């Protein structure tokens, strides 16, 4: 006896949902890499990124979940990063006031980013 129409339809729905939600650990790999690149950029420009972003790490045996990272909000259905809160990530004193430039392409991996907070960082460019 063959599969009924309803049975075939249910299997197709499951396959589509698995493809749409292909992020088994709650974070899309391209966006995880983008966050780690952003952390390295901040670190290379004087931010104490290891202290500010201690959860932003790639674990050797498995991937950490971006939706659990500080200053990051993800859509738990799609896995996309929707908010980044990068307020005051670089301690800028009046004695050592330097404007630093941020490359906007660092944010390209985040296709569904809806909110980006960059205040109190002396960014320019």
PDB file of N, CA and C in Angstrom:
ATOM      1  N   UNK A   1       0.840  -1.167   0.000  1.00  0.00           N
ATOM      2  CA  UNK A   1       0.000   0.000   0.000  1.00  0.00           C
ATOM      3  C   UNK A   1       0.894   1.241   0.000  1.00  0.00           C
ATOM      4  N   UNK A   2       0.604   2.206  -0.871  1.00  0.00           N
ATOM      5  CA  UNK A   2       1.417   3.410  -1.006  1.00  0.00           C
ATOM      6  C   UNK A   2       1.146   4.439   0.079  1.00  0.00           C
ATOM      7  N   UNK A   3       2.011   5.394   0.098  1.00  0.00           N
ATOM      8  CA  UNK A   3       1.857   6.498   1.050  1.00  0.00           C
ATOM      9  C   UNK A   3       0.619   7.308   0.692  1.00  0.00           C
ATOM     10  N   UNK A   4      -0.083   7.736   1.673  1.00  0.00           N
ATOM     11  CA  UNK A   4      -1.233   8.604   1.417  1.00  0.00           C
ATOM     12  C   UNK A   4      -0.725  10.014   1.124  1.00  0.00           C
ATOM     13  N   UNK A   5      -1.558  10.798   0.524  1.00  0.00           N
ATOM     14  CA  UNK A   5      -1.214  12.190   0.228  1.00  0.00           C
ATOM     15  C   UNK A   5      -0.841  12.936   1.503  1.00  0.00           C
ATOM     16  N   UNK A   6      -1.593  12.744   2.563  1.00  0.00           N
ATOM     17  CA  UNK A   6      -1.342  13.425   3.828  1.00  0.00           C
ATOM     18  C   UNK A   6       0.005  13.025   4.419  1.00  0.00           C
ATOM     19  N   UNK A   7       0.364  11.773   4.316  1.00  0.00           N
ATOM     20  CA  UNK A   7       1.654  11.296   4.817  1.00  0.00           C
ATOM     21  C   UNK A   7       2.814  11.914   4.053  1.00  0.00           C
ATOM     22  N   UNK A   8       2.693  11.954   2.708  1.00  0.00           N
ATOM     23  CA  UNK A   8       3.737  12.573   1.881  1.00  0.00           C
ATOM     24  C   UNK A   8       3.852  14.066   2.190  1.00  0.00           C
ATOM     25  N   UNK A   9       2.725  14.714   2.370  1.00  0.00           N
ATOM     26  CA  UNK A   9       2.720  16.139   2.669  1.00  0.00           C
ATOM     27  C   UNK A   9       3.411  16.406   4.011  1.00  0.00           C
ATOM     28  N   UNK A  10       3.125  15.580   5.007  1.00  0.00           N
ATOM     29  CA  UNK A  10       3.728  15.754   6.335  1.00  0.00           C
ATOM     30  C   UNK A  10       5.240  15.602   6.262  1.00  0.00           C
ATOM     31  N   UNK A  11       5.720  14.646   5.480  1.00  0.00           N
ATOM     32  CA  UNK A  11       7.163  14.455   5.332  1.00  0.00           C
ATOM     33  C   UNK A  11       7.799  15.657   4.647  1.00  0.00           C
ATOM     34  N   UNK A  12       7.144  16.212   3.631  1.00  0.00           N
ATOM     35  CA  UNK A  12       7.671  17.385   2.945  1.00  0.00           C
ATOM     36  C   UNK A  12       7.737  18.586   3.882  1.00  0.00           C
ATOM     37  N   UNK A  13       6.726  18.748   4.715  1.00  0.00           N
ATOM     38  CA  UNK A  13       6.726  19.846   5.677  1.00  0.00           C
ATOM     39  C   UNK A  13       7.901  19.695   6.644  1.00  0.00           C
ATOM     40  N   UNK A  14       8.149  18.507   7.114  1.00  0.00           N
ATOM     41  CA  UNK A  14       9.268  18.263   8.036  1.00  0.00           C
ATOM     42  C   UNK A  14      10.595  18.574   7.348  1.00  0.00           C
ATOM     43  N   UNK A  15      10.753  18.184   6.107  1.00  0.00           N
ATOM     44  CA  UNK A  15      11.991  18.448   5.369  1.00  0.00           C
ATOM     45  C   UNK A  15      12.194  19.946   5.192  1.00  0.00           C
ATOM     46  N   UNK A  16      11.155  20.656   4.808  1.00  0.00           N
ATOM     47  CA  UNK A  16      11.255  22.105   4.629  1.00  0.00           C
ATOM     48  C   UNK A  16      11.601  22.782   5.952  1.00  0.00           C
ATOM     49  N   UNK A  17      10.953  22.385   7.028  1.00  0.00           N
ATOM     50  CA  UNK A  17      11.255  22.980   8.336  1.00  0.00           C
ATOM     51  C   UNK A  17      12.688  22.689   8.748  1.00  0.00           C
ATOM     52  N   UNK A  18      13.177  21.522   8.455  1.00  0.00           N
ATOM     53  CA  UNK A  18      14.564  21.183   8.796  1.00  0.00           C
ATOM     54  C   UNK A  18      15.537  22.046   8.005  1.00  0.00           C
ATOM     55  N   UNK A  19      15.202  22.345   6.731  1.00  0.00           N
ATOM     56  CA  UNK A  19      16.068  23.189   5.918  1.00  0.00           C
ATOM     57  C   UNK A  19      16.023  24.635   6.386  1.00  0.00           C
ATOM     58  N   UNK A  20      14.841  25.130   6.711  1.00  0.00           N
ATOM     59  CA  UNK A  20      14.695  26.508   7.178  1.00  0.00           C
ATOM     60  C   UNK A  20      15.391  26.681   8.520  1.00  0.00           C
ATOM     61  N   UNK A  21      15.249  25.718   9.386  1.00  0.00           N
ATOM     62  CA  UNK A  21      15.857  25.783  10.712  1.00  0.00           C
ATOM     63  C   UNK A  21      17.129  24.954  10.748  1.00  0.00           C
ATOM     64  N   UNK A  22      17.967  25.087   9.726  1.00  0.00           N
ATOM     65  CA  UNK A  22      19.159  24.267   9.615  1.00  0.00           C
ATOM     66  C   UNK A  22      20.253  24.612  10.591  1.00  0.00           C
ATOM     67  N   UNK A  23      19.977  25.400  11.561  1.00  0.00           N
ATOM     68  CA  UNK A  23      20.955  25.772  12.574  1.00  0.00           C
ATOM     69  C   UNK A  23      20.654  24.963  13.829  1.00  0.00           C
ATOM     70  N   UNK A  24      21.233  23.807  13.909  1.00  0.00           N
ATOM     71  CA  UNK A  24      20.896  22.895  14.993  1.00  0.00           C
ATOM     72  C   UNK A  24      21.305  23.417  16.358  1.00  0.00           C
ATOM     73  N   UNK A  25      22.210  24.393  16.414  1.00  0.00           N
ATOM     74  CA  UNK A  25      22.686  24.859  17.708  1.00  0.00           C
ATOM     75  C   UNK A  25      22.272  26.290  18.006  1.00  0.00           C
ATOM     76  N   UNK A  26      21.327  26.844  17.270  1.00  0.00           N
ATOM     77  CA  UNK A  26      20.805  28.160  17.597  1.00  0.00           C
ATOM     78  C   UNK A  26      21.563  29.323  17.000  1.00  0.00           C
ATOM     79  N   UNK A  27      22.520  29.086  16.140  1.00  0.00           N
ATOM     80  CA  UNK A  27      23.275  30.182  15.543  1.00  0.00           C
ATOM     81  C   UNK A  27      23.724  29.768  14.154  1.00  0.00           C
ATOM     82  N   UNK A  28      23.553  30.655  13.201  1.00  0.00           N
ATOM     83  CA  UNK A  28      23.984  30.369  11.843  1.00  0.00           C
ATOM     84  C   UNK A  28      25.498  30.519  11.754  1.00  0.00           C
ATOM     85  N   UNK A  29      26.151  29.601  11.095  1.00  0.00           N
ATOM     86  CA  UNK A  29      27.614  29.572  11.065  1.00  0.00           C
ATOM     87  C   UNK A  29      28.218  30.857  10.503  1.00  0.00           C
ATOM     88  N   UNK A  30      27.645  31.402   9.428  1.00  0.00           N
ATOM     89  CA  UNK A  30      28.171  32.647   8.860  1.00  0.00           C
ATOM     90  C   UNK A  30      28.071  33.812   9.824  1.00  0.00           C
ATOM     91  N   UNK A  31      27.008  33.844  10.581  1.00  0.00           N
ATOM     92  CA  UNK A  31      26.833  34.921  11.556  1.00  0.00           C
ATOM     93  C   UNK A  31      27.735  34.707  12.767  1.00  0.00           C
ATOM     94  N   UNK A  32      27.941  33.467  13.156  1.00  0.00           N
ATOM     95  CA  UNK A  32      28.875  33.169  14.252  1.00  0.00           C
ATOM     96  C   UNK A  32      30.278  33.645  13.864  1.00  0.00           C
ATOM     97  N   UNK A  33      30.704  33.315  12.641  1.00  0.00           N
ATOM     98  CA  UNK A  33      32.023  33.767  12.161  1.00  0.00           C
ATOM     99  C   UNK A  33      32.079  35.290  12.117  1.00  0.00           C
ATOM    100  N   UNK A  34      30.976  35.923  11.693  1.00  0.00           N
ATOM    101  CA  UNK A  34      30.927  37.385  11.651  1.00  0.00           C
ATOM    102  C   UNK A  34      31.093  38.006  13.030  1.00  0.00           C
ATOM    103  N   UNK A  35      30.465  37.420  14.021  1.00  0.00           N
ATOM    104  CA  UNK A  35      30.612  37.923  15.394  1.00  0.00           C
ATOM    105  C   UNK A  35      32.046  37.765  15.887  1.00  0.00           C
ATOM    106  N   UNK A  36      32.671  36.642  15.577  1.00  0.00           N
ATOM    107  CA  UNK A  36      34.048  36.423  15.999  1.00  0.00           C
ATOM    108  C   UNK A  36      35.010  37.377  15.284  1.00  0.00           C
ATOM    109  N   UNK A  37      34.735  37.678  14.015  1.00  0.00           N
ATOM    110  CA  UNK A  37      35.547  38.668  13.291  1.00  0.00           C
ATOM    111  C   UNK A  37      35.357  40.055  13.886  1.00  0.00           C
ATOM    112  N   UNK A  38      34.131  40.379  14.250  1.00  0.00           N
ATOM    113  CA  UNK A  38      33.852  41.662  14.883  1.00  0.00           C
ATOM    114  C   UNK A  38      34.603  41.774  16.213  1.00  0.00           C
ATOM    115  N   UNK A  39      34.612  40.709  16.979  1.00  0.00           N
ATOM    116  CA  UNK A  39      35.347  40.700  18.248  1.00  0.00           C
ATOM    117  C   UNK A  39      36.838  40.941  18.004  1.00  0.00           C
ATOM    118  N   UNK A  40      37.404  40.283  17.008  1.00  0.00           N
ATOM    119  CA  UNK A  40      38.827  40.471  16.693  1.00  0.00           C
ATOM    120  C   UNK A  40      39.116  41.905  16.262  1.00  0.00           C
ATOM    121  N   UNK A  41      38.201  42.499  15.475  1.00  0.00           N
ATOM    122  CA  UNK A  41      38.367  43.895  15.078  1.00  0.00           C
ATOM    123  C   UNK A  41      38.397  44.801  16.309  1.00  0.00           C
ATOM    124  N   UNK A  42      37.447  44.606  17.203  1.00  0.00           N
ATOM    125  CA  UNK A  42      37.388  45.430  18.407  1.00  0.00           C
ATOM    126  C   UNK A  42      38.644  45.245  19.247  1.00  0.00           C
ATOM    127  N   UNK A  43      39.091  44.027  19.350  1.00  0.00           N
ATOM    128  CA  UNK A  43      40.296  43.710  20.123  1.00  0.00           C
ATOM    129  C   UNK A  43      41.524  44.376  19.508  1.00  0.00           C
ATOM    130  N   UNK A  44      41.629  44.344  18.195  1.00  0.00           N
ATOM    131  CA  UNK A  44      42.789  44.927  17.515  1.00  0.00           C
ATOM    132  C   UNK A  44      42.792  46.458  17.596  1.00  0.00           C
ATOM    133  N   UNK A  45      41.674  47.042  17.978  1.00  0.00           N
ATOM    134  CA  UNK A  45      41.579  48.492  18.091  1.00  0.00           C
ATOM    135  C   UNK A  45      41.523  48.967  19.540  1.00  0.00           C
ATOM    136  N   UNK A  46      41.951  48.143  20.446  1.00  0.00           N
ATOM    137  CA  UNK A  46      42.108  48.584  21.816  1.00  0.00           C
ATOM    138  C   UNK A  46      40.992  48.224  22.770  1.00  0.00           C
ATOM    139  N   UNK A  47      39.942  47.604  22.296  1.00  0.00           N
ATOM    140  CA  UNK A  47      38.866  47.195  23.202  1.00  0.00           C
ATOM    141  C   UNK A  47      39.315  45.960  23.975  1.00  0.00           C
ATOM    142  N   UNK A  48      38.901  45.876  25.207  1.00  0.00           N
ATOM    143  CA  UNK A  48      39.199  44.678  25.999  1.00  0.00           C
ATOM    144  C   UNK A  48      38.151  43.623  25.664  1.00  0.00           C
ATOM    145  N   UNK A  49      38.238  43.115  24.447  1.00  0.00           N
ATOM    146  CA  UNK A  49      37.201  42.232  23.905  1.00  0.00           C
ATOM    147  C   UNK A  49      37.080  40.927  24.673  1.00  0.00           C
ATOM    148  N   UNK A  50      38.189  40.415  25.189  1.00  0.00           N
ATOM    149  CA  UNK A  50      38.110  39.156  25.937  1.00  0.00           C
ATOM    150  C   UNK A  50      37.316  39.338  27.222  1.00  0.00           C
ATOM    151  N   UNK A  51      37.423  40.513  27.814  1.00  0.00           N
ATOM    152  CA  UNK A  51      36.667  40.804  29.036  1.00  0.00           C
ATOM    153  C   UNK A  51      35.212  41.159  28.718  1.00  0.00           C
ATOM    154  N   UNK A  52      35.007  41.946  27.645  1.00  0.00           N
ATOM    155  CA  UNK A  52      33.664  42.397  27.286  1.00  0.00           C
ATOM    156  C   UNK A  52      32.821  41.306  26.636  1.00  0.00           C
ATOM    157  N   UNK A  53      33.461  40.392  25.940  1.00  0.00           N
ATOM    158  CA  UNK A  53      32.758  39.353  25.188  1.00  0.00           C
ATOM    159  C   UNK A  53      33.294  37.968  25.534  1.00  0.00           C
ATOM    160  N   UNK A  54      33.288  37.566  26.794  1.00  0.00           N
ATOM    161  CA  UNK A  54      33.893  36.284  27.155  1.00  0.00           C
ATOM    162  C   UNK A  54      33.166  35.069  26.576  1.00  0.00           C
ATOM    163  N   UNK A  55      31.903  35.219  26.248  1.00  0.00           N
ATOM    164  CA  UNK A  55      31.157  34.086  25.690  1.00  0.00           C
ATOM    165  C   UNK A  55      31.291  33.992  24.173  1.00  0.00           C
ATOM    166  N   UNK A  56      31.861  35.012  23.541  1.00  0.00           N
ATOM    167  CA  UNK A  56      32.035  35.010  22.096  1.00  0.00           C
ATOM    168  C   UNK A  56      33.255  34.159  21.762  1.00  0.00           C
ATOM    169  N   UNK A  57      33.101  32.868  21.775  1.00  0.00           N
ATOM    170  CA  UNK A  57      34.218  31.965  21.516  1.00  0.00           C
ATOM    171  C   UNK A  57      33.771  30.830  20.613  1.00  0.00           C
ATOM    172  N   UNK A  58      34.721  30.319  19.886  1.00  0.00           N
ATOM    173  CA  UNK A  58      34.482  29.106  19.110  1.00  0.00           C
ATOM    174  C   UNK A  58      35.110  27.975  19.896  1.00  0.00           C
ATOM    175  N   UNK A  59      34.289  27.077  20.346  1.00  0.00           N
ATOM    176  CA  UNK A  59      34.776  25.959  21.144  1.00  0.00           C
ATOM    177  C   UNK A  59      35.326  24.888  20.211  1.00  0.00           C
ATOM    178  N   UNK A  60      36.445  24.283  20.573  1.00  0.00           N
ATOM    179  CA  UNK A  60      37.076  23.316  19.664  1.00  0.00           C
ATOM    180  C   UNK A  60      36.238  22.076  19.373  1.00  0.00           C
ATOM    181  N   UNK A  61      35.459  21.611  20.342  1.00  0.00           N
ATOM    182  CA  UNK A  61      34.724  20.377  20.132  1.00  0.00           C
ATOM    183  C   UNK A  61      33.309  20.588  19.597  1.00  0.00           C
ATOM    184  N   UNK A  62      32.768  21.783  19.779  1.00  0.00           N
ATOM    185  CA  UNK A  62      31.441  22.090  19.240  1.00  0.00           C
ATOM    186  C   UNK A  62      31.262  23.603  19.208  1.00  0.00           C
ATOM    187  N   UNK A  63      30.211  24.044  18.578  1.00  0.00           N
ATOM    188  CA  UNK A  63      29.961  25.480  18.458  1.00  0.00           C
ATOM    189  C   UNK A  63      29.178  25.981  19.660  1.00  0.00           C
ATOM    190  N   UNK A  64      29.558  27.154  20.140  1.00  0.00           N
ATOM    191  CA  UNK A  64      28.751  27.782  21.181  1.00  0.00           C
ATOM    192  C   UNK A  64      27.554  28.462  20.519  1.00  0.00           C
ATOM    193  N   UNK A  65      26.548  28.711  21.266  1.00  0.00           N
ATOM    194  CA  UNK A  65      25.303  29.248  20.724  1.00  0.00           C
ATOM    195  C   UNK A  65      25.294  30.772  20.816  1.00  0.00           C
ATOM    196  N   UNK A  66      25.243  31.430  19.654  1.00  0.00           N
ATOM    197  CA  UNK A  66      25.278  32.893  19.607  1.00  0.00           C
ATOM    198  C   UNK A  66      24.147  33.524  20.401  1.00  0.00           C
ATOM    199  N   UNK A  67      23.005  32.880  20.448  1.00  0.00           N
ATOM    200  CA  UNK A  67      21.879  33.497  21.151  1.00  0.00           C
ATOM    201  C   UNK A  67      22.124  33.571  22.653  1.00  0.00           C
ATOM    202  N   UNK A  68      23.155  32.904  23.154  1.00  0.00           N
ATOM    203  CA  UNK A  68      23.524  32.996  24.560  1.00  0.00           C
ATOM    204  C   UNK A  68      24.665  33.984  24.800  1.00  0.00           C
ATOM    205  N   UNK A  69      25.194  34.574  23.757  1.00  0.00           N
ATOM    206  CA  UNK A  69      26.331  35.478  23.892  1.00  0.00           C
ATOM    207  C   UNK A  69      25.889  36.838  24.410  1.00  0.00           C
ATOM    208  N   UNK A  70      26.759  37.479  25.223  1.00  0.00           N
ATOM    209  CA  UNK A  70      26.486  38.824  25.703  1.00  0.00           C
ATOM    210  C   UNK A  70      26.352  39.776  24.519  1.00  0.00           C
ATOM    211  N   UNK A  71      25.456  40.735  24.667  1.00  0.00           N
ATOM    212  CA  UNK A  71      25.274  41.819  23.705  1.00  0.00           C
ATOM    213  C   UNK A  71      24.720  41.369  22.359  1.00  0.00           C
ATOM    214  N   UNK A  72      24.213  40.155  22.277  1.00  0.00           N
ATOM    215  CA  UNK A  72      23.660  39.608  21.030  1.00  0.00           C
ATOM    216  C   UNK A  72      22.249  39.109  21.300  1.00  0.00           C
ATOM    217  N   UNK A  73      21.330  39.458  20.399  1.00  0.00           N
ATOM    218  CA  UNK A  73      19.983  38.904  20.449  1.00  0.00           C
ATOM    219  C   UNK A  73      19.725  38.217  19.117  1.00  0.00           C
ATOM    220  N   UNK A  74      19.206  37.008  19.186  1.00  0.00           N
ATOM    221  CA  UNK A  74      18.901  36.245  17.977  1.00  0.00           C
ATOM    222  C   UNK A  74      17.415  35.916  17.940  1.00  0.00           C
ATOM    223  N   UNK A  75      16.925  35.730  16.730  1.00  0.00           N
ATOM    224  CA  UNK A  75      15.587  35.193  16.544  1.00  0.00           C
ATOM    225  C   UNK A  75      15.704  33.696  16.766  1.00  0.00           C
ATOM    226  N   UNK A  76      15.064  33.180  17.783  1.00  0.00           N
ATOM    227  CA  UNK A  76      15.217  31.770  18.119  1.00  0.00           C
ATOM    228  C   UNK A  76      14.564  30.836  17.113  1.00  0.00           C
ATOM    229  N   UNK A  77      13.696  31.372  16.253  1.00  0.00           N
ATOM    230  CA  UNK A  77      13.077  30.553  15.219  1.00  0.00           C
ATOM    231  C   UNK A  77      14.008  30.401  14.021  1.00  0.00           C
ATOM    232  N   UNK A  78      14.596  31.510  13.568  1.00  0.00           N
ATOM    233  CA  UNK A  78      15.442  31.461  12.366  1.00  0.00           C
ATOM    234  C   UNK A  78      16.919  31.315  12.684  1.00  0.00           C
ATOM    235  N   UNK A  79      17.333  31.699  13.894  1.00  0.00           N
ATOM    236  CA  UNK A  79      18.739  31.661  14.263  1.00  0.00           C
ATOM    237  C   UNK A  79      19.513  32.907  13.873  1.00  0.00           C
ATOM    238  N   UNK A  80      18.875  33.841  13.168  1.00  0.00           N
ATOM    239  CA  UNK A  80      19.562  35.059  12.730  1.00  0.00           C
ATOM    240  C   UNK A  80      19.778  36.025  13.881  1.00  0.00           C
ATOM    241  N   UNK A  81      20.921  36.712  13.846  1.00  0.00           N
ATOM    242  CA  UNK A  81      21.194  37.794  14.790  1.00  0.00           C
ATOM    243  C   UNK A  81      20.281  38.958  14.424  1.00  0.00           C
ATOM    244  N   UNK A  82      19.547  39.468  15.407  1.00  0.00           N
ATOM    245  CA  UNK A  82      18.641  40.589  15.159  1.00  0.00           C
ATOM    246  C   UNK A  82      19.079  41.865  15.870  1.00  0.00           C
ATOM    247  N   UNK A  83      19.872  41.744  16.931  1.00  0.00           N
ATOM    248  CA  UNK A  83      20.322  42.922  17.671  1.00  0.00           C
ATOM    249  C   UNK A  83      21.760  42.736  18.131  1.00  0.00           C
ATOM    250  N   UNK A  84      22.536  43.823  18.018  1.00  0.00           N
ATOM    251  CA  UNK A  84      23.881  43.871  18.579  1.00  0.00           C
ATOM    252  C   UNK A  84      23.982  45.114  19.442  1.00  0.00           C
ATOM    253  N   UNK A  85      24.385  44.946  20.684  1.00  0.00           N
ATOM    254  CA  UNK A  85      24.511  46.048  21.630  1.00  0.00           C
ATOM    255  C   UNK A  85      25.998  46.230  21.924  1.00  0.00           C
ATOM    256  N   UNK A  86      26.633  47.117  21.149  1.00  0.00           N
ATOM    257  CA  UNK A  86      28.071  47.342  21.260  1.00  0.00           C
ATOM    258  C   UNK A  86      28.364  48.699  21.885  1.00  0.00           C
ATOM    259  N   UNK A  87      27.535  49.120  22.801  1.00  0.00           N
ATOM    260  CA  UNK A  87      27.677  50.376  23.523  1.00  0.00           C
ATOM    261  C   UNK A  87      28.916  50.341  24.409  1.00  0.00           C
ATOM    262  N   UNK A  88      29.777  51.366  24.269  1.00  0.00           N
ATOM    263  CA  UNK A  88      30.903  51.574  25.173  1.00  0.00           C
ATOM    264  C   UNK A  88      31.818  50.348  25.280  1.00  0.00           C
ATOM    265  N   UNK A  89      32.256  49.837  24.139  1.00  0.00           N
ATOM    266  CA  UNK A  89      33.145  48.679  24.173  1.00  0.00           C
ATOM    267  C   UNK A  89      34.615  49.072  24.276  1.00  0.00           C
ATOM    268  N   UNK A  90      34.914  50.346  24.060  1.00  0.00           N
ATOM    269  CA  UNK A  90      36.288  50.820  24.176  1.00  0.00           C
ATOM    270  C   UNK A  90      36.327  51.932  25.204  1.00  0.00           C
ATOM    271  N   UNK A  91      37.160  51.766  26.201  1.00  0.00           N
ATOM    272  CA  UNK A  91      37.307  52.782  27.233  1.00  0.00           C
ATOM    273  C   UNK A  91      38.059  53.966  26.633  1.00  0.00           C
ATOM    274  N   UNK A  92      37.368  55.075  26.471  1.00  0.00           N
ATOM    275  CA  UNK A  92      37.970  56.261  25.878  1.00  0.00           C
ATOM    276  C   UNK A  92      38.095  57.320  26.964  1.00  0.00           C
ATOM    277  N   UNK A  93      39.323  57.585  27.343  1.00  0.00           N
ATOM    278  CA  UNK A  93      39.560  58.644  28.322  1.00  0.00           C
ATOM    279  C   UNK A  93      39.905  59.930  27.588  1.00  0.00           C
ATOM    280  N   UNK A  94      39.789  61.043  28.273  1.00  0.00           N
ATOM    281  CA  UNK A  94      40.093  62.323  27.646  1.00  0.00           C
ATOM    282  C   UNK A  94      41.578  62.466  27.355  1.00  0.00           C
ATOM    283  N   UNK A  95      42.437  61.819  28.127  1.00  0.00           N
ATOM    284  CA  UNK A  95      43.875  61.891  27.889  1.00  0.00           C
ATOM    285  C   UNK A  95      44.278  61.103  26.645  1.00  0.00           C
ATOM    286  N   UNK A  96      43.555  60.055  26.352  1.00  0.00           N
ATOM    287  CA  UNK A  96      43.891  59.178  25.236  1.00  0.00           C
ATOM    288  C   UNK A  96      42.706  59.089  24.280  1.00  0.00           C
ATOM    289  N   UNK A  97      42.199  60.231  23.878  1.00  0.00           N
ATOM    290  CA  UNK A  97      41.022  60.258  23.010  1.00  0.00           C
ATOM    291  C   UNK A  97      41.462  60.091  21.567  1.00  0.00           C
ATOM    292  N   UNK A  98      41.135  58.949  20.997  1.00  0.00           N
ATOM    293  CA  UNK A  98      41.434  58.683  19.588  1.00  0.00           C
ATOM    294  C   UNK A  98      40.168  58.208  18.903  1.00  0.00           C
ATOM    295  N   UNK A  99      39.900  58.789  17.764  1.00  0.00           N
ATOM    296  CA  UNK A  99      38.767  58.326  16.960  1.00  0.00           C
ATOM    297  C   UNK A  99      39.219  57.066  16.235  1.00  0.00           C
ATOM    298  N   UNK A 100      38.383  56.067  16.201  1.00  0.00           N
ATOM    299  CA  UNK A 100      38.715  54.868  15.450  1.00  0.00           C
ATOM    300  C   UNK A 100      37.652  54.626  14.402  1.00  0.00           C
ATOM    301  N   UNK A 101      38.070  54.033  13.329  1.00  0.00           N
ATOM    302  CA  UNK A 101      37.207  53.831  12.182  1.00  0.00           C
ATOM    303  C   UNK A 101      36.696  52.396  12.164  1.00  0.00           C
ATOM    304  N   UNK A 102      35.438  52.280  11.850  1.00  0.00           N
ATOM    305  CA  UNK A 102      34.845  50.945  11.772  1.00  0.00           C
ATOM    306  C   UNK A 102      34.458  50.666  10.323  1.00  0.00           C
ATOM    307  N   UNK A 103      34.746  49.489   9.877  1.00  0.00           N
ATOM    308  CA  UNK A 103      34.418  49.063   8.533  1.00  0.00           C
ATOM    309  C   UNK A 103      32.991  48.495   8.553  1.00  0.00           C
ATOM    310  N   UNK A 104      32.089  49.167   7.876  1.00  0.00           N
ATOM    311  CA  UNK A 104      30.682  48.758   7.893  1.00  0.00           C
ATOM    312  C   UNK A 104      30.475  47.348   7.332  1.00  0.00           C
ATOM    313  N   UNK A 105      31.421  46.859   6.535  1.00  0.00           N
ATOM    314  CA  UNK A 105      31.275  45.514   5.973  1.00  0.00           C
ATOM    315  C   UNK A 105      31.329  44.436   7.059  1.00  0.00           C
ATOM    316  N   UNK A 106      31.790  44.784   8.254  1.00  0.00           N
ATOM    317  CA  UNK A 106      31.782  43.825   9.362  1.00  0.00           C
ATOM    318  C   UNK A 106      30.364  43.379   9.716  1.00  0.00           C
ATOM    319  N   UNK A 107      29.382  44.181   9.324  1.00  0.00           N
ATOM    320  CA  UNK A 107      27.998  43.875   9.664  1.00  0.00           C
ATOM    321  C   UNK A 107      27.244  43.172   8.533  1.00  0.00           C
ATOM    322  N   UNK A 108      27.896  42.927   7.406  1.00  0.00           N
ATOM    323  CA  UNK A 108      27.242  42.263   6.267  1.00  0.00           C
ATOM    324  C   UNK A 108      26.736  40.854   6.567  1.00  0.00           C
ATOM    325  N   UNK A 109      27.398  40.068   7.418  1.00  0.00           N
ATOM    326  CA  UNK A 109      26.884  38.712   7.669  1.00  0.00           C
ATOM    327  C   UNK A 109      25.515  38.679   8.346  1.00  0.00           C
ATOM    328  N   UNK A 110      25.103  39.788   8.930  1.00  0.00           N
ATOM    329  CA  UNK A 110      23.882  39.800   9.731  1.00  0.00           C
ATOM    330  C   UNK A 110      22.706  40.283   8.886  1.00  0.00           C
ATOM    331  N   UNK A 111      22.132  39.356   8.135  1.00  0.00           N
ATOM    332  CA  UNK A 111      21.098  39.666   7.144  1.00  0.00           C
ATOM    333  C   UNK A 111      19.800  40.169   7.757  1.00  0.00           C
ATOM    334  N   UNK A 112      19.538  39.839   9.015  1.00  0.00           N
ATOM    335  CA  UNK A 112      18.284  40.261   9.641  1.00  0.00           C
ATOM    336  C   UNK A 112      18.521  41.154  10.851  1.00  0.00           C
ATOM    337  N   UNK A 113      19.655  41.862  10.849  1.00  0.00           N
ATOM    338  CA  UNK A 113      19.973  42.774  11.943  1.00  0.00           C
ATOM    339  C   UNK A 113      18.974  43.926  11.932  1.00  0.00           C
ATOM    340  N   UNK A 114      18.298  44.127  13.043  1.00  0.00           N
ATOM    341  CA  UNK A 114      17.284  45.169  13.148  1.00  0.00           C
ATOM    342  C   UNK A 114      17.713  46.307  14.059  1.00  0.00           C
ATOM    343  N   UNK A 115      18.636  46.045  14.974  1.00  0.00           N
ATOM    344  CA  UNK A 115      19.061  47.061  15.935  1.00  0.00           C
ATOM    345  C   UNK A 115      20.562  46.935  16.170  1.00  0.00           C
ATOM    346  N   UNK A 116      21.271  48.048  16.014  1.00  0.00           N
ATOM    347  CA  UNK A 116      22.714  48.089  16.210  1.00  0.00           C
ATOM    348  C   UNK A 116      23.033  49.303  17.076  1.00  0.00           C
ATOM    349  N   UNK A 117      23.593  49.071  18.255  1.00  0.00           N
ATOM    350  CA  UNK A 117      23.954  50.155  19.159  1.00  0.00           C
ATOM    351  C   UNK A 117      25.473  50.270  19.193  1.00  0.00           C
ATOM    352  N   UNK A 118      25.971  51.426  18.743  1.00  0.00           N
ATOM    353  CA  UNK A 118      27.410  51.680  18.706  1.00  0.00           C
ATOM    354  C   UNK A 118      27.794  52.925  19.513  1.00  0.00           C
ATOM    355  N   UNK A 119      26.928  53.392  20.363  1.00  0.00           N
ATOM    356  CA  UNK A 119      27.172  54.645  21.075  1.00  0.00           C
ATOM    357  C   UNK A 119      28.329  54.550  22.061  1.00  0.00           C
ATOM    358  N   UNK A 120      28.940  55.704  22.326  1.00  0.00           N
ATOM    359  CA  UNK A 120      30.046  55.847  23.272  1.00  0.00           C
ATOM    360  C   UNK A 120      31.249  54.972  22.927  1.00  0.00           C
ATOM    361  N   UNK A 121      31.666  55.027  21.655  1.00  0.00           N
ATOM    362  CA  UNK A 121      32.836  54.286  21.210  1.00  0.00           C
ATOM    363  C   UNK A 121      33.825  55.145  20.432  1.00  0.00           C
ATOM    364  N   UNK A 122      33.478  56.378  20.099  1.00  0.00           N
ATOM    365  CA  UNK A 122      34.315  57.261  19.286  1.00  0.00           C
ATOM    366  C   UNK A 122      34.578  56.686  17.906  1.00  0.00           C
ATOM    367  N   UNK A 123      33.574  55.997  17.353  1.00  0.00           N
ATOM    368  CA  UNK A 123      33.686  55.491  15.998  1.00  0.00           C
ATOM    369  C   UNK A 123      33.554  56.646  15.020  1.00  0.00           C
ATOM    370  N   UNK A 124      34.191  56.487  13.878  1.00  0.00           N
ATOM    371  CA  UNK A 124      34.051  57.444  12.793  1.00  0.00           C
ATOM    372  C   UNK A 124      34.108  56.646  11.505  1.00  0.00           C
ATOM    373  N   UNK A 125      33.831  57.307  10.401  1.00  0.00           N
ATOM    374  CA  UNK A 125      33.959  56.674   9.101  1.00  0.00           C
ATOM    375  C   UNK A 125      32.742  55.893   8.688  1.00  0.00           C
TER     376      UNK A 125
END
